Amino acid sequence: DTLWDLAIAAVEKSSGADGKHGELWEKSILFMGSKNGGKTTIILRCLEREESPKPTLALEYTFGRRARRHNTPKDIAHFWELGGGTSLLELIRVPITSHNIRSFAVVLVLDLSKPNELWTTMEDLLQVTRNHVNKILTKLEKTNAEVAAEIKQRKWNDLQRDHPDYELVDPFPIPLMIIGSKYDLFQEFDSEMRKIISKTLRFVSHYCGASLVVFGKCFPNAFSFFLFSKSVSVDPSKPLFIPAGLDSLSQIGPPPASDSDIGKLRANTPWELWKKVFEKTFPPKSLRDLQDTKDPAQDTQYAEYEVDVMRAEKNQELERYKRNASKSWKEMDFDSD
């Protein structure tokens, strides 16, 4: 089976009625995460496109269509990709709307080779997305309470009521998958560092009710294994494969720190505790370091001669206006009687 076949099968399995024979299958996915973390590469492989990935400009969209059987409607997959790491958070509200939220999913791609950026990137993106989805659900409760209730209940589908952590986690409001990329570079880390990162990813994924998969260059095989294998891989020395709901806090264990260190940390929630333990080993970079400071208008891959010439003229006009305005202000008499 191709990646497309595997993705369709996985969605049909999780969505139930949405995959009935003869009905149109249409889903939307937002890929977000670390800058240069491999989001575009994953999308291209899902669409089976032999292209070299290019830097993502702001928010980009593409789609794929394919018929499952002869003389049947074509399935449609909408792929949105948020570029810039955490610098363009406000754009998250563009692809996720009240019209498509029932068929929307989020994929968070985290670059394991940059652990000092990992927690900030993960937390900021998940928090903004969660807040936006919750606002949509609040509005839906007033206009279509049945749909809102269905979406809220669906987030608990992967966690059985008899699961020991049922009251201790806070599942993401829509389907979420967390992908750890650059595993090939991650393997070169010290074993203790790998352990801390792996355990933290497991906690975050389990707490958010997300599926977790870590892969390197063997993404297609890993994706196939993840979708259809009943096995769970939690060994930090190997790629992680943990479908939503199949992990537990007892199996993950406490945050990787000594009891004395944990006792010194002030945390009101398990999330805060894991954050402080992780950031003690991997101090986060400043917000300025994480911002995408490169001006997309200067990127040669988006060059358009006529547009660039007009832009240059307008920039010159703006500079002349600023100089004239500055002179006008200096010549004004602000003396009062």
Foldseek 3Di string as FASTA:
>chain_A
DALLVLVLVLCCVLVPPLPDPQHAAEAEEEEAEAAVLCSQVVVCRSQVHPDDDDADDAKDKDKDWDDPDPPGGIHIYIYIYGHFQLQRLVCLLVPDALVRQVRYEYEYEYELLQLLAGPVSVVNNLVSNLVSVVVRLVVCCVVPVVSSVVLQVSQCVLADPPAPCSVAAAARSGAYEYEYEPVVSVLPDDPVLLLLVLLLVVVVCQRHQYWYWYDYPPVRVSSSCLSPPPDADSPSNDIGRGHGHRDHDVNSDARPDDPVVLVVDDDDGSVRSSVVSSCVVRPHDDPVVSGDPDDPVPDPVPDDPVVVVVVVVVVVVVVVVVVVVVVVVVPDDPDDD
